[in-house]
């Protein structure tokens, strides 16, 4: 009897990945979404704390989170799913940044990945609403987006 072992990538390509419906979210174009590199998170958090924004680390059901981004990229979700599969048990993934009203400011594709596998997700929840958190994030000197990536 011959056993065929499929790669993770093959399994991933055979899955039906749930994606938010077109036009969901608050309508911010993906190209304009603020991005913060994982290495910059400690500095980003300190920057926001100086502005009176503090975070609480928690684990949350991804179904309780709301997107602000309007477009989503299946490849970004697949990368997140692949990274989740390769994490050493107990290793920490980059937390998603959310507002006190549960809007995602950074981490939409990771959110979709966690939603697809039905697993709770680590978040850093701010003490301010989405608008204040998004405004402060956009002012962070190391923030970038797809329109200013070479900055």
N, C-alpha and C. Protein backbone atom coordinates (compact mmCIF):
# COMPACT_ATOMS: atom_id res chain seq x y z
N UNK A 1 0.85 -1.17 0.00
CA UNK A 1 0.00 0.00 0.00
C UNK A 1 0.89 1.24 0.00
N UNK A 2 0.61 2.14 -0.90
CA UNK A 2 1.40 3.38 -1.01
C UNK A 2 0.66 4.52 -0.32
N UNK A 3 1.38 5.24 0.52
CA UNK A 3 0.79 6.39 1.21
C UNK A 3 1.37 7.65 0.59
N UNK A 4 0.47 8.56 0.23
CA UNK A 4 0.90 9.83 -0.33
C UNK A 4 0.76 10.90 0.73
N UNK A 5 1.84 11.60 0.98
CA UNK A 5 1.82 12.67 1.97
C UNK A 5 1.80 14.00 1.22
N UNK A 6 0.79 14.79 1.52
CA UNK A 6 0.67 16.10 0.88
C UNK A 6 1.37 17.15 1.72
N UNK A 7 1.92 18.13 1.05
CA UNK A 7 2.55 19.23 1.77
C UNK A 7 1.47 20.12 2.39
N UNK A 8 1.88 20.92 3.36
CA UNK A 8 0.94 21.86 3.97
C UNK A 8 0.39 22.81 2.92
N UNK A 9 1.24 23.26 2.00
CA UNK A 9 0.82 24.18 0.95
C UNK A 9 -0.28 23.55 0.09
N UNK A 10 -0.15 22.25 -0.21
CA UNK A 10 -1.17 21.55 -0.99
C UNK A 10 -2.48 21.50 -0.21
N UNK A 11 -2.40 21.14 1.07
CA UNK A 11 -3.61 21.11 1.91
C UNK A 11 -4.26 22.50 1.95
N UNK A 12 -3.44 23.50 2.10
CA UNK A 12 -3.94 24.87 2.19
C UNK A 12 -4.67 25.25 0.90
N UNK A 13 -4.11 24.87 -0.23
CA UNK A 13 -4.74 25.24 -1.50
C UNK A 13 -6.06 24.52 -1.72
N UNK A 14 -6.27 23.40 -1.02
CA UNK A 14 -7.51 22.64 -1.17
C UNK A 14 -8.61 23.14 -0.24
N UNK A 15 -8.26 23.96 0.72
CA UNK A 15 -9.23 24.48 1.67
C UNK A 15 -10.03 25.63 1.08
N UNK A 16 -11.24 25.78 1.54
CA UNK A 16 -12.05 26.94 1.21
C UNK A 16 -11.84 27.93 2.34
N UNK A 17 -11.20 29.04 2.04
CA UNK A 17 -10.88 30.04 3.06
C UNK A 17 -11.99 31.08 3.11
N UNK A 18 -12.55 31.28 4.30
CA UNK A 18 -13.56 32.32 4.48
C UNK A 18 -12.88 33.67 4.38
N UNK A 19 -13.49 34.56 3.60
CA UNK A 19 -13.03 35.93 3.47
C UNK A 19 -14.22 36.85 3.77
N UNK A 20 -13.96 38.01 4.37
CA UNK A 20 -15.06 38.94 4.61
C UNK A 20 -15.70 39.34 3.28
N UNK A 21 -17.02 39.55 3.28
CA UNK A 21 -17.69 39.94 2.05
C UNK A 21 -17.14 41.25 1.49
N UNK A 22 -17.13 41.36 0.19
CA UNK A 22 -16.65 42.59 -0.45
C UNK A 22 -17.42 43.78 0.11
N UNK A 23 -16.69 44.83 0.44
CA UNK A 23 -17.33 46.04 0.97
C UNK A 23 -17.55 46.03 2.47
N UNK A 24 -17.17 44.91 3.15
CA UNK A 24 -17.34 44.92 4.61
C UNK A 24 -16.23 45.77 5.22
N UNK A 25 -16.38 46.07 6.46
CA UNK A 25 -15.40 46.94 7.11
C UNK A 25 -15.83 48.39 6.99
N UNK A 26 -14.98 49.29 7.43
CA UNK A 26 -15.33 50.71 7.43
C UNK A 26 -14.92 51.43 6.16
N UNK A 27 -14.34 50.70 5.21
CA UNK A 27 -14.07 51.30 3.92
C UNK A 27 -12.70 51.89 3.70
N UNK A 28 -11.74 51.62 4.59
CA UNK A 28 -10.39 52.14 4.38
C UNK A 28 -9.70 51.23 3.38
N UNK A 29 -9.16 51.82 2.31
CA UNK A 29 -8.47 51.04 1.29
C UNK A 29 -7.25 50.37 1.89
N UNK A 30 -6.99 49.15 1.48
CA UNK A 30 -5.85 48.39 1.98
C UNK A 30 -4.54 49.14 1.79
N UNK A 31 -4.41 49.83 0.69
CA UNK A 31 -3.18 50.57 0.38
C UNK A 31 -2.91 51.68 1.41
N UNK A 32 -3.97 52.14 2.09
CA UNK A 32 -3.84 53.23 3.07
C UNK A 32 -3.83 52.75 4.52
N UNK A 33 -3.93 51.44 4.73
CA UNK A 33 -3.96 50.92 6.10
C UNK A 33 -2.59 51.05 6.76
N UNK A 34 -2.55 51.54 7.99
CA UNK A 34 -1.27 51.65 8.69
C UNK A 34 -0.72 50.26 9.02
N UNK A 35 0.59 50.12 8.86
CA UNK A 35 1.29 48.87 9.17
C UNK A 35 2.39 49.18 10.18
N UNK A 36 2.55 48.30 11.14
CA UNK A 36 3.61 48.44 12.14
C UNK A 36 4.37 47.11 12.17
N UNK A 37 5.67 47.16 11.94
CA UNK A 37 6.48 45.95 11.95
C UNK A 37 6.53 45.37 13.36
N UNK A 38 6.61 44.06 13.44
CA UNK A 38 6.65 43.38 14.74
C UNK A 38 7.80 43.90 15.61
N UNK A 39 8.95 44.15 15.00
CA UNK A 39 10.11 44.66 15.76
C UNK A 39 9.86 46.05 16.33
N UNK A 40 8.93 46.80 15.72
CA UNK A 40 8.63 48.16 16.18
C UNK A 40 7.52 48.21 17.22
N UNK A 41 6.88 47.08 17.51
CA UNK A 41 5.75 47.09 18.46
C UNK A 41 6.10 47.70 19.82
N UNK A 42 7.22 47.32 20.44
CA UNK A 42 7.52 47.93 21.76
C UNK A 42 7.62 49.46 21.68
N UNK A 43 8.30 49.96 20.65
CA UNK A 43 8.43 51.41 20.47
C UNK A 43 7.07 52.05 20.17
N UNK A 44 6.28 51.39 19.34
CA UNK A 44 4.93 51.86 18.99
C UNK A 44 4.06 51.97 20.24
N UNK A 45 4.10 50.95 21.08
CA UNK A 45 3.31 50.96 22.32
C UNK A 45 3.75 52.11 23.22
N UNK A 46 5.07 52.32 23.36
CA UNK A 46 5.59 53.43 24.18
C UNK A 46 5.14 54.77 23.61
N UNK A 47 5.20 54.90 22.29
CA UNK A 47 4.76 56.13 21.61
C UNK A 47 3.30 56.43 21.95
N UNK A 48 2.46 55.41 21.85
CA UNK A 48 1.04 55.62 22.13
C UNK A 48 0.79 55.90 23.62
N UNK A 49 1.56 55.27 24.49
CA UNK A 49 1.41 55.51 25.93
C UNK A 49 1.69 56.97 26.27
N UNK A 50 2.66 57.57 25.56
CA UNK A 50 2.95 59.00 25.77
C UNK A 50 1.76 59.86 25.38
N UNK A 51 0.89 59.33 24.52
CA UNK A 51 -0.31 60.05 24.09
C UNK A 51 -1.52 59.69 24.95
N UNK A 52 -1.28 58.91 26.03
CA UNK A 52 -2.37 58.53 26.93
C UNK A 52 -3.12 57.28 26.50
N UNK A 53 -2.62 56.61 25.49
CA UNK A 53 -3.27 55.38 25.02
C UNK A 53 -2.53 54.20 25.62
N UNK A 54 -3.23 53.39 26.39
CA UNK A 54 -2.63 52.22 27.00
C UNK A 54 -3.32 50.97 26.49
N UNK A 55 -2.60 49.86 26.56
CA UNK A 55 -3.10 48.59 26.02
C UNK A 55 -3.20 47.53 27.10
N UNK A 56 -4.12 46.64 26.88
CA UNK A 56 -4.25 45.48 27.74
C UNK A 56 -4.15 44.25 26.83
N UNK A 57 -3.23 43.36 27.15
CA UNK A 57 -3.09 42.12 26.38
C UNK A 57 -4.21 41.18 26.79
N UNK A 58 -4.85 40.58 25.81
CA UNK A 58 -5.91 39.63 26.10
C UNK A 58 -6.06 38.67 24.94
N UNK A 59 -6.81 37.64 25.16
CA UNK A 59 -7.15 36.67 24.12
C UNK A 59 -8.65 36.80 23.88
N UNK A 60 -9.02 36.83 22.60
CA UNK A 60 -10.41 37.11 22.26
C UNK A 60 -10.87 36.21 21.11
N UNK A 61 -12.17 35.96 21.06
CA UNK A 61 -12.79 35.23 19.95
C UNK A 61 -12.73 36.13 18.72
N UNK A 62 -12.15 35.68 17.61
CA UNK A 62 -12.03 36.53 16.43
C UNK A 62 -13.38 36.99 15.86
N UNK A 63 -14.45 36.28 16.19
CA UNK A 63 -15.78 36.67 15.73
C UNK A 63 -16.28 37.96 16.37
N UNK A 64 -15.62 38.39 17.44
CA UNK A 64 -16.01 39.63 18.12
C UNK A 64 -15.31 40.86 17.56
N UNK A 65 -14.37 40.64 16.61
CA UNK A 65 -13.61 41.75 16.06
C UNK A 65 -14.24 42.28 14.78
N UNK A 66 -14.00 43.56 14.53
CA UNK A 66 -14.59 44.24 13.38
C UNK A 66 -13.48 44.84 12.50
N UNK A 67 -13.57 44.64 11.19
CA UNK A 67 -12.55 45.19 10.31
C UNK A 67 -12.79 46.66 9.98
N UNK A 68 -11.69 47.40 9.74
CA UNK A 68 -11.83 48.75 9.21
C UNK A 68 -11.36 48.79 7.75
N UNK A 69 -10.60 47.78 7.39
CA UNK A 69 -10.08 47.67 6.02
C UNK A 69 -11.18 47.15 5.11
N UNK A 70 -11.21 47.61 3.84
CA UNK A 70 -12.29 47.17 2.94
C UNK A 70 -11.88 46.06 1.98
N UNK A 71 -10.58 45.91 1.68
CA UNK A 71 -10.16 44.85 0.78
C UNK A 71 -9.23 43.90 1.53
N UNK A 72 -9.29 42.65 1.11
CA UNK A 72 -8.48 41.63 1.76
C UNK A 72 -7.80 40.79 0.69
N UNK A 73 -6.61 40.32 1.02
CA UNK A 73 -5.78 39.61 0.07
C UNK A 73 -5.66 38.15 0.51
N UNK A 74 -6.13 37.22 -0.31
CA UNK A 74 -6.09 35.81 0.05
C UNK A 74 -4.66 35.33 0.34
N UNK A 75 -3.68 35.89 -0.39
CA UNK A 75 -2.29 35.47 -0.14
C UNK A 75 -1.83 35.89 1.26
N UNK A 76 -2.28 37.05 1.73
CA UNK A 76 -1.95 37.48 3.09
C UNK A 76 -2.53 36.54 4.13
N UNK A 77 -3.75 36.08 3.88
CA UNK A 77 -4.39 35.13 4.80
C UNK A 77 -3.64 33.80 4.75
N UNK A 78 -3.30 33.33 3.56
CA UNK A 78 -2.58 32.07 3.42
C UNK A 78 -1.22 32.12 4.12
N UNK A 79 -0.52 33.26 4.00
CA UNK A 79 0.76 33.41 4.71
C UNK A 79 0.55 33.31 6.22
N UNK A 80 -0.52 33.94 6.70
CA UNK A 80 -0.82 33.89 8.14
C UNK A 80 -1.16 32.47 8.58
N UNK A 81 -1.94 31.75 7.76
CA UNK A 81 -2.28 30.36 8.09
C UNK A 81 -1.03 29.49 8.10
N UNK A 82 -0.16 29.70 7.13
CA UNK A 82 1.07 28.93 7.04
C UNK A 82 1.96 29.21 8.25
N UNK A 83 2.04 30.47 8.64
CA UNK A 83 2.86 30.84 9.81
C UNK A 83 2.29 30.20 11.08
N UNK A 84 0.95 30.21 11.19
CA UNK A 84 0.31 29.59 12.36
C UNK A 84 0.70 28.12 12.45
N UNK A 85 0.70 27.42 11.31
CA UNK A 85 1.01 25.99 11.29
C UNK A 85 2.46 25.72 11.65
N UNK A 86 3.33 26.69 11.39
CA UNK A 86 4.75 26.47 11.64
C UNK A 86 5.20 26.94 13.02
N UNK A 87 4.31 27.56 13.78
CA UNK A 87 4.69 28.03 15.11
C UNK A 87 4.98 26.84 16.03
N UNK A 88 6.04 26.95 16.76
CA UNK A 88 6.37 25.95 17.76
C UNK A 88 5.30 26.06 18.85
N UNK A 89 4.79 24.93 19.34
CA UNK A 89 3.79 25.01 20.41
C UNK A 89 4.25 25.93 21.54
N UNK A 90 3.39 26.85 21.92
CA UNK A 90 3.71 27.80 22.97
C UNK A 90 4.33 29.09 22.47
N UNK A 91 4.75 29.12 21.19
CA UNK A 91 5.34 30.34 20.63
C UNK A 91 4.24 31.38 20.44
N UNK A 92 4.62 32.64 20.52
CA UNK A 92 3.65 33.72 20.38
C UNK A 92 3.69 34.31 18.99
N UNK A 93 2.51 34.52 18.44
CA UNK A 93 2.36 35.21 17.17
C UNK A 93 2.23 36.70 17.48
N UNK A 94 2.48 37.54 16.50
CA UNK A 94 2.33 38.99 16.66
C UNK A 94 0.86 39.29 17.02
N UNK A 95 0.66 40.04 18.09
CA UNK A 95 -0.70 40.38 18.51
C UNK A 95 -1.35 41.33 17.52
N UNK A 96 -2.65 41.26 17.47
CA UNK A 96 -3.44 42.17 16.66
C UNK A 96 -3.74 43.39 17.53
N UNK A 97 -3.68 44.57 16.93
CA UNK A 97 -3.97 45.81 17.65
C UNK A 97 -5.43 46.16 17.41
N UNK A 98 -6.20 46.30 18.50
CA UNK A 98 -7.62 46.64 18.39
C UNK A 98 -7.96 47.82 19.30
N UNK A 99 -9.04 48.48 18.95
CA UNK A 99 -9.55 49.60 19.74
C UNK A 99 -10.45 49.06 20.86
N UNK A 100 -10.86 49.96 21.76
CA UNK A 100 -11.73 49.51 22.86
C UNK A 100 -13.09 49.06 22.34
N UNK A 101 -13.46 49.52 21.13
CA UNK A 101 -14.73 49.09 20.54
C UNK A 101 -14.54 47.93 19.55
N UNK A 102 -13.42 47.21 19.69
CA UNK A 102 -13.12 45.96 18.98
C UNK A 102 -12.86 46.09 17.48
N UNK A 103 -12.46 47.28 17.01
CA UNK A 103 -12.07 47.43 15.61
C UNK A 103 -10.59 47.10 15.46
N UNK A 104 -10.25 46.40 14.38
CA UNK A 104 -8.87 46.02 14.10
C UNK A 104 -8.17 47.19 13.44
N UNK A 105 -7.05 47.61 14.00
CA UNK A 105 -6.23 48.68 13.40
C UNK A 105 -5.02 48.07 12.69
N UNK A 106 -4.46 47.01 13.25
CA UNK A 106 -3.33 46.32 12.60
C UNK A 106 -3.52 44.82 12.79
N UNK A 107 -3.55 44.08 11.67
CA UNK A 107 -3.63 42.62 11.76
C UNK A 107 -4.84 41.99 11.10
N UNK A 108 -5.40 42.61 10.08
CA UNK A 108 -6.60 42.07 9.43
C UNK A 108 -6.41 40.66 8.86
N UNK A 109 -5.30 40.41 8.20
CA UNK A 109 -5.11 39.09 7.57
C UNK A 109 -4.88 38.00 8.62
N UNK A 110 -4.21 38.35 9.71
CA UNK A 110 -4.06 37.39 10.82
C UNK A 110 -5.42 37.11 11.45
N UNK A 111 -6.26 38.14 11.57
CA UNK A 111 -7.62 37.97 12.11
C UNK A 111 -8.40 36.98 11.26
N UNK A 112 -8.35 37.15 9.94
CA UNK A 112 -9.08 36.24 9.04
C UNK A 112 -8.56 34.81 9.19
N UNK A 113 -7.24 34.66 9.30
CA UNK A 113 -6.65 33.33 9.47
C UNK A 113 -7.17 32.67 10.75
N UNK A 114 -7.16 33.39 11.85
CA UNK A 114 -7.65 32.83 13.11
C UNK A 114 -9.14 32.53 13.04
N UNK A 115 -9.87 33.38 12.37
CA UNK A 115 -11.32 33.15 12.21
C UNK A 115 -11.55 31.85 11.43
N UNK A 116 -10.71 31.60 10.43
CA UNK A 116 -10.85 30.39 9.61
C UNK A 116 -10.57 29.11 10.39
N UNK A 117 -9.66 29.16 11.34
CA UNK A 117 -9.35 27.95 12.09
C UNK A 117 -10.14 27.86 13.40
N UNK A 118 -10.93 28.89 13.69
CA UNK A 118 -11.77 28.86 14.89
C UNK A 118 -10.97 28.91 16.18
N UNK A 119 -9.88 29.64 16.15
CA UNK A 119 -8.99 29.72 17.31
C UNK A 119 -9.01 31.14 17.87
N UNK A 120 -9.04 31.26 19.19
CA UNK A 120 -8.96 32.58 19.82
C UNK A 120 -7.62 33.23 19.47
N UNK A 121 -7.60 34.56 19.48
CA UNK A 121 -6.43 35.30 19.02
C UNK A 121 -5.93 36.26 20.09
N UNK A 122 -4.60 36.42 20.13
CA UNK A 122 -3.99 37.38 21.06
C UNK A 122 -4.14 38.78 20.48
N UNK A 123 -4.61 39.69 21.31
CA UNK A 123 -4.78 41.08 20.89
C UNK A 123 -4.17 41.99 21.94
N UNK A 124 -3.90 43.21 21.49
CA UNK A 124 -3.54 44.31 22.39
C UNK A 124 -4.70 45.29 22.23
N UNK A 125 -5.52 45.42 23.26
CA UNK A 125 -6.70 46.28 23.17
C UNK A 125 -6.43 47.63 23.82
N UNK A 126 -6.65 48.68 23.04
CA UNK A 126 -6.43 50.06 23.51
C UNK A 126 -7.58 50.52 24.38
N UNK A 127 -7.32 51.57 25.12
CA UNK A 127 -8.35 52.17 25.99
C UNK A 127 -9.11 53.29 25.28
N UNK A 128 -8.94 53.40 23.97
CA UNK A 128 -9.62 54.46 23.19
C UNK A 128 -10.37 53.83 22.02
N UNK A 129 -11.30 54.60 21.46
CA UNK A 129 -12.07 54.09 20.33
C UNK A 129 -11.24 54.04 19.05
N UNK A 130 -11.81 53.44 18.02
CA UNK A 130 -11.09 53.20 16.77
C UNK A 130 -10.56 54.48 16.16
N UNK A 131 -11.36 55.53 16.11
CA UNK A 131 -10.92 56.77 15.45
C UNK A 131 -9.67 57.34 16.12
N UNK A 132 -9.67 57.41 17.46
CA UNK A 132 -8.51 57.94 18.18
C UNK A 132 -7.29 57.05 18.00
N UNK A 133 -7.48 55.74 18.04
CA UNK A 133 -6.35 54.82 17.88
C UNK A 133 -5.79 54.89 16.46
N UNK A 134 -6.66 54.96 15.47
CA UNK A 134 -6.22 55.04 14.08
C UNK A 134 -5.47 56.35 13.82
N UNK A 135 -5.99 57.46 14.34
CA UNK A 135 -5.32 58.76 14.18
C UNK A 135 -3.92 58.72 14.80
N UNK A 136 -3.82 58.19 16.02
CA UNK A 136 -2.53 58.13 16.71
C UNK A 136 -1.57 57.18 15.99
N UNK A 137 -2.08 56.06 15.50
CA UNK A 137 -1.24 55.11 14.77
C UNK A 137 -0.69 55.74 13.50
N UNK A 138 -1.52 56.46 12.79
CA UNK A 138 -1.06 57.11 11.55
C UNK A 138 0.00 58.18 11.80
N UNK A 139 0.07 58.70 13.03
CA UNK A 139 1.07 59.71 13.38
C UNK A 139 2.38 59.09 13.87
N UNK A 140 2.38 57.78 14.13
CA UNK A 140 3.58 57.11 14.61
C UNK A 140 4.66 57.21 13.52
N UNK A 141 5.85 57.70 13.85
CA UNK A 141 6.89 57.95 12.84
C UNK A 141 7.32 56.73 12.02
N UNK A 142 7.21 55.52 12.56
CA UNK A 142 7.65 54.33 11.83
C UNK A 142 6.51 53.60 11.13
N UNK A 143 5.31 54.17 11.17
CA UNK A 143 4.18 53.52 10.49
C UNK A 143 4.41 53.62 8.98
N UNK A 144 3.94 52.63 8.28
CA UNK A 144 4.03 52.66 6.82
C UNK A 144 2.76 52.04 6.26
N UNK A 145 2.54 52.22 4.99
CA UNK A 145 1.45 51.54 4.29
C UNK A 145 1.92 51.26 2.88
N UNK A 146 1.10 50.62 2.11
CA UNK A 146 1.51 50.22 0.76
C UNK A 146 1.77 51.44 -0.14
N UNK A 147 1.20 52.59 0.20
CA UNK A 147 1.43 53.78 -0.64
C UNK A 147 2.72 54.51 -0.28
N UNK A 148 3.27 54.24 0.92
CA UNK A 148 4.54 54.90 1.29
C UNK A 148 5.58 53.90 1.77
N UNK A 149 5.55 52.68 1.25
CA UNK A 149 6.38 51.59 1.72
C UNK A 149 7.88 51.88 1.67
N UNK A 150 8.31 52.72 0.77
CA UNK A 150 9.74 53.01 0.66
C UNK A 150 10.20 54.13 1.60
N UNK A 151 9.32 54.58 2.44
CA UNK A 151 9.59 55.67 3.38
C UNK A 151 10.70 55.32 4.33
